[in-house]
């Protein structure tokens, strides 16, 4: 199943092409003129377009945790080798497990050796 992704500034733009080649819709904040936007503005753009935010930034998790909202979902990548190919591989690996929670609203933290899922809104 395909998804719609909004990539934060801290992820490589080349990841957009890889995700599109996999059948997903993907945009990078820099391509939208949001390269200097506050995280809250990026959250609103993703919510309006029903996109999942992909990021390295832990601030999105905190922002969503205190928002009381169930959207947008966010995937936070927290591992060493964070190039476009590695991020895509991780996403392909976790997608069958995460598609359901992410479609309902979730915050997912992906580490080298662990995966943590928290349903939104956090209580």
Protein backbone atom coordinates (compact mmCIF):
# COMPACT_ATOMS: atom_id res chain seq x y z
CA UNK A 1 0.00 0.00 0.00
CA UNK A 2 1.33 3.43 -0.86
CA UNK A 3 1.62 6.44 1.39
CA UNK A 4 2.11 10.18 1.22
CA UNK A 5 5.30 11.47 2.82
CA UNK A 6 6.64 14.91 3.70
CA UNK A 7 10.40 14.85 4.27
CA UNK A 8 11.93 17.24 6.77
CA UNK A 9 15.02 19.34 5.94
CA UNK A 10 17.34 16.93 7.75
CA UNK A 11 16.63 14.13 5.26
CA UNK A 12 18.24 13.95 1.82
CA UNK A 13 16.21 15.22 -1.11
CA UNK A 14 17.28 12.15 -3.09
CA UNK A 15 15.03 10.08 -0.80
CA UNK A 16 11.99 11.65 -2.50
CA UNK A 17 12.89 9.98 -5.80
CA UNK A 18 13.45 6.60 -4.12
CA UNK A 19 10.07 6.75 -2.39
CA UNK A 20 8.28 7.85 -5.57
CA UNK A 21 9.94 4.94 -7.43
CA UNK A 22 8.49 2.64 -4.74
CA UNK A 23 4.99 3.94 -5.54
CA UNK A 24 4.61 6.51 -2.75
CA UNK A 25 3.89 10.20 -3.02
CA UNK A 26 6.71 12.21 -1.48
CA UNK A 27 7.69 15.85 -1.13
CA UNK A 28 10.64 17.57 0.54
CA UNK A 29 10.04 20.70 2.61
CA UNK A 30 12.80 22.52 0.71
CA UNK A 31 10.92 22.01 -2.56
CA UNK A 32 7.89 23.68 -0.96
CA UNK A 33 9.84 26.73 0.22
CA UNK A 34 9.61 25.52 3.83
CA UNK A 35 13.34 25.07 4.40
CA UNK A 36 13.27 27.69 7.18
CA UNK A 37 9.76 26.94 8.44
CA UNK A 38 9.04 26.20 12.08
CA UNK A 39 8.20 22.60 12.93
CA UNK A 40 4.63 23.63 13.77
CA UNK A 41 4.17 24.99 10.25
CA UNK A 42 5.50 21.76 8.74
CA UNK A 43 3.07 19.79 10.91
CA UNK A 44 0.18 21.88 9.57
CA UNK A 45 1.27 21.37 5.95
CA UNK A 46 1.51 17.60 6.51
CA UNK A 47 -1.86 17.51 8.29
CA UNK A 48 -3.58 19.43 5.48
CA UNK A 49 -2.16 17.07 2.82
CA UNK A 50 -2.63 13.92 4.93
CA UNK A 51 1.11 13.18 4.77
CA UNK A 52 3.39 11.27 7.13
CA UNK A 53 6.36 13.34 8.27
CA UNK A 54 9.76 11.67 7.90
CA UNK A 55 12.50 13.25 10.02
CA UNK A 56 15.51 12.90 12.31
CA UNK A 57 14.17 15.67 14.54
CA UNK A 58 12.85 14.60 17.95
CA UNK A 59 11.03 17.93 18.27
CA UNK A 60 8.23 16.65 16.01
CA UNK A 61 7.49 13.90 18.49
CA UNK A 62 7.25 16.38 21.33
CA UNK A 63 5.14 18.77 19.28
CA UNK A 64 2.68 16.02 18.35
CA UNK A 65 2.65 14.57 21.86
CA UNK A 66 1.40 17.84 23.31
CA UNK A 67 -0.95 18.73 20.44
CA UNK A 68 -3.69 16.27 21.39
CA UNK A 69 -4.11 15.54 17.67
CA UNK A 70 -3.98 12.17 15.96
CA UNK A 71 -2.54 13.59 12.73
CA UNK A 72 -0.10 13.83 11.12
CA UNK A 73 1.80 10.65 11.80
CA UNK A 74 5.56 10.93 12.05
CA UNK A 75 8.47 8.55 11.57
CA UNK A 76 11.63 9.61 13.38
CA UNK A 77 14.81 7.93 12.15
CA UNK A 78 17.45 7.68 14.90
CA UNK A 79 20.34 5.68 13.47
CA UNK A 80 23.91 6.30 12.37
CA UNK A 81 24.02 5.67 8.63
CA UNK A 82 21.18 7.92 7.58
CA UNK A 83 21.69 8.21 3.83
CA UNK A 84 18.78 7.99 1.41
CA UNK A 85 19.29 4.30 0.56
CA UNK A 86 19.53 3.23 4.21
CA UNK A 87 16.44 5.20 5.21
CA UNK A 88 14.52 3.69 2.29
CA UNK A 89 15.63 0.17 3.28
CA UNK A 90 14.47 0.72 6.87
CA UNK A 91 11.16 2.09 5.65
CA UNK A 92 10.58 -0.87 3.32
CA UNK A 93 11.38 -3.24 6.20
CA UNK A 94 9.03 -1.65 8.73
CA UNK A 95 6.22 -0.63 6.36
CA UNK A 96 4.20 -3.88 6.60
CA UNK A 97 4.14 -3.50 10.39
CA UNK A 98 3.59 0.26 10.50
CA UNK A 99 1.11 0.91 7.70
CA UNK A 100 -1.91 0.33 9.98
CA UNK A 101 -0.79 2.42 12.96
CA UNK A 102 0.49 5.22 10.70
CA UNK A 103 -2.79 5.40 8.80
CA UNK A 104 -4.63 5.80 12.12
CA UNK A 105 -2.13 8.26 13.63
CA UNK A 106 1.13 7.24 15.24
CA UNK A 107 4.61 8.36 16.18
CA UNK A 108 7.22 5.78 15.18
CA UNK A 109 10.86 5.93 16.28
CA UNK A 110 13.20 3.78 14.19
CA UNK A 111 16.62 2.93 15.63
CA UNK A 112 19.32 0.59 14.32
CA UNK A 113 18.08 -2.26 16.48
CA UNK A 114 14.65 -1.20 17.71
CA UNK A 115 11.28 0.14 16.66
CA UNK A 116 8.91 2.00 18.98
CA UNK A 117 5.32 2.85 18.11
CA UNK A 118 3.11 5.24 20.04
CA UNK A 119 -0.47 5.82 18.93
CA UNK A 120 -1.62 9.42 18.61
CA UNK A 121 -2.94 11.27 20.40
CA UNK A 122 -0.66 10.45 23.29
CA UNK A 123 -2.43 10.16 26.61
